[in-house]
Amino acid sequence: MKGPPSTEPNLDDILARDFAELKVGEEKLEIPTVSNQQDAEPEQPASPVAYNQRIDAVEDRTSFTVKAPATKANEPTAESEKTPKPTILKAPSAQPGDDFDVDW
């Protein structure tokens, strides 16, 4: 039973109109078909994952090789790594009572 006519929108009318718009697109929707499923590789059944299990790994390699690091032209060598000695002052550069400029 509908109520008296009013200027407010009716929920049933709005839903009917919006769902009618959704159904228009379904006619044009193309469903992709899978061709030649036999050509596809057979899927291997996935092994179940065992959680909270102890894993005993054993390393059986007898040797391994590591590539030498690439040296760059700008990197300092051992000879040029010498740093100059710091200068040691006989007295501190600041004295008690000096004013300091501090930004708060």
Protein backbone atom coordinates (compact mmCIF):
# COMPACT_ATOMS: atom_id res chain seq x y z
CA MET A 1 0.00 0.00 0.00
CA LYS A 2 1.46 3.32 -1.06
CA GLY A 3 1.10 6.44 0.99
CA PRO A 4 -0.25 9.74 -0.21
CA PRO A 5 1.69 11.39 -3.07
CA SER A 6 4.53 13.59 -1.93
CA THR A 7 7.45 15.48 -3.42
CA GLU A 8 10.00 13.30 -1.60
CA PRO A 9 11.60 10.48 -3.62
CA ASN A 10 10.33 6.97 -3.04
CA LEU A 11 12.92 4.32 -2.23
CA ASP A 12 11.20 1.59 -4.28
CA ASP A 13 11.08 3.80 -7.38
CA ILE A 14 14.74 4.78 -7.05
CA LEU A 15 15.89 1.17 -6.62
CA ALA A 16 13.84 -0.02 -9.59
CA ARG A 17 15.28 2.73 -11.80
CA ASP A 18 18.92 2.08 -10.74
CA PHE A 19 18.71 -1.71 -11.11
CA ALA A 20 17.17 -1.27 -14.57
CA GLU A 21 20.30 0.72 -15.56
CA LEU A 22 22.57 -2.07 -14.28
CA LYS A 23 20.80 -4.75 -16.34
CA VAL A 24 21.40 -2.85 -19.61
CA GLY A 25 25.15 -3.55 -19.45
CA GLU A 26 24.72 -7.29 -18.89
CA GLU A 27 23.48 -7.82 -22.44
CA LYS A 28 26.70 -6.34 -23.86
CA LEU A 29 29.01 -8.23 -21.52
CA GLU A 30 31.33 -10.69 -23.29
CA ILE A 31 32.38 -13.80 -21.42
CA PRO A 32 35.91 -14.88 -22.35
CA THR A 33 36.10 -18.52 -23.38
CA VAL A 34 39.03 -20.75 -22.58
CA SER A 35 40.34 -22.46 -25.69
CA ASN A 36 42.26 -25.74 -25.72
CA GLN A 37 42.58 -26.54 -22.07
CA GLN A 38 44.57 -29.61 -23.10
CA ASP A 39 47.43 -27.39 -24.33
CA ALA A 40 47.86 -25.88 -20.91
CA GLU A 41 50.37 -27.50 -18.57
CA PRO A 42 48.79 -29.77 -16.00
CA GLU A 43 48.79 -28.16 -12.60
CA GLN A 44 50.78 -29.88 -9.89
CA PRO A 45 48.88 -30.35 -6.66
CA ALA A 46 50.23 -27.95 -4.09
CA SER A 47 51.90 -29.60 -1.14
CA PRO A 48 50.32 -28.65 2.15
CA VAL A 49 52.29 -26.15 4.22
CA ALA A 50 53.40 -27.49 7.56
CA TYR A 51 53.57 -24.76 10.15
CA ASN A 52 55.43 -24.83 13.45
CA GLN A 53 57.71 -27.65 12.31
CA ARG A 54 61.42 -28.03 13.02
CA ILE A 55 63.63 -27.77 9.96
CA ASP A 56 67.05 -29.41 10.00
CA ALA A 57 69.10 -27.91 7.19
CA VAL A 58 72.50 -29.36 6.41
CA GLU A 59 75.05 -27.52 4.28
CA ASP A 60 76.77 -29.98 1.98
CA ARG A 61 78.82 -27.60 -0.18
CA THR A 62 82.56 -27.95 0.11
CA SER A 63 83.39 -24.55 -1.40
CA PHE A 64 81.80 -21.43 -2.79
CA THR A 65 83.01 -18.48 -4.83
CA VAL A 66 82.46 -14.79 -4.30
CA LYS A 67 82.88 -12.16 -7.00
CA ALA A 68 85.44 -9.45 -6.32
CA PRO A 69 83.88 -6.07 -5.57
CA ALA A 70 83.98 -3.59 -8.42
CA THR A 71 86.28 -0.67 -7.70
CA LYS A 72 85.34 2.80 -8.76
CA ALA A 73 87.75 5.45 -10.01
CA ASN A 74 86.60 7.93 -7.36
CA GLU A 75 87.12 5.62 -4.39
CA PRO A 76 90.16 6.42 -2.25
CA THR A 77 92.89 3.81 -2.18
CA ALA A 78 94.86 2.74 0.88
CA GLU A 79 97.64 5.24 0.10
CA SER A 80 95.29 8.20 -0.26
CA GLU A 81 93.26 7.36 2.86
CA LYS A 82 95.74 9.15 5.11
CA THR A 83 93.93 11.85 7.02
CA PRO A 84 95.65 15.00 8.22
CA LYS A 85 96.40 15.15 11.92
CA PRO A 86 93.95 17.28 13.89
CA THR A 87 95.33 20.47 15.36
CA ILE A 88 95.44 20.52 19.15
CA LEU A 89 95.04 23.89 20.82
CA LYS A 90 96.86 24.81 24.02
CA ALA A 91 93.80 26.58 25.43
CA PRO A 92 90.06 26.15 24.89
CA SER A 93 88.51 28.48 22.33
CA ALA A 94 85.68 29.45 24.70
CA GLN A 95 86.21 30.90 28.16
CA PRO A 96 83.82 30.93 31.12
CA GLY A 97 81.60 34.00 30.91
CA ASP A 98 81.52 34.16 27.10
CA ASP A 99 78.19 35.05 25.55
CA PHE A 100 76.58 32.52 23.24
CA ASP A 101 73.97 33.29 20.60
CA VAL A 102 71.25 30.68 21.05
CA ASP A 103 68.08 30.46 18.95
CA TRP A 104 65.15 29.11 20.92
